[in-house]
């Protein structure tokens, strides 16, 4: 996949927008089809998380994606994050008895934005938010520092370019409760590939943007990659007790029938177990054979692109 990452990056920069949109859609559709066939969703149950006046419903999609229904409990208004499977979104909205007002799109890849237009056909009044003109259906463009509301929930836009140039994470606050939807920038124990960006950008995104959020901020990422990421984290820091404990917990979650989601983690937890959030730590730099955070980030991503966990 390391070769694909380089090819994808080159294609994204050199071909016309319409061509790259079709190419990315075909790639992600093929990936999902190869993983789940015609079922359309990975084997993971939905999950609802309560926190004060807000709640989040985790909606599995495709082979390993997560969509999220964000609900303001005080107003019953809701937003959906990366609704690639509109049917599941509509069903969840009906089951929750909420009014869907907003689509929060993290980036333009089909497995995150591919359901926007269909959802708009069904609900034409939706505000489709995103930080990239390549996002299907976007009518509310946003950038770093922009703010919006979902009912009474405060949503702040955090620009985290690297995986794609227009990637946005959404930080949500309701009183003392806070969470962040990180798309393909930050995963549990991992980070996204550098398809359209650089190690410098990912370091900035993880250290200065996401890593500076309050430690108890719940992290909802875009994919179920936890076991693969933790295997790499254990390879980088084999003596970490925190990583070993997290692996045991994730194995229990994924081994359930049906499998349970491993989201959310927290910012504090990521700072303990995620090598890409620990590029300033001597143990991680020693593994990478580097002595600066950016070179450590670059070395870790290059190694992870070709990493295969031992069975």
Foldseek 3Di string as FASTA:
>chain_A
DLVVLAVLLVCVPPDDLVVNQVVLQVVLVVVLCVQPNPPFFDLADWDKDDDPQKIKIWDTGGRWWTKIWIARNVQLFIEIFQCLDLVSVVVVCVVSVGHYAEYEYFDAGNSRQVCVVVNCVVVVRHAYEFQDPNRPPHDHHDDAQDWDDGVPKIWGWHAQDFLHRGGIKIWIDDPPAIAIEREQADDQQEHHARNHHALVSSLCCLVVPLLPPPQAYWYHYTGQCNLLNLLLLCVLVVPQPLSVVLNVVQCVQVVDVRHYGPGIDTSNSCCRRHLLNPLCPPSQCVSQVHHDSSSSSVSSSSCSVPDDGDD
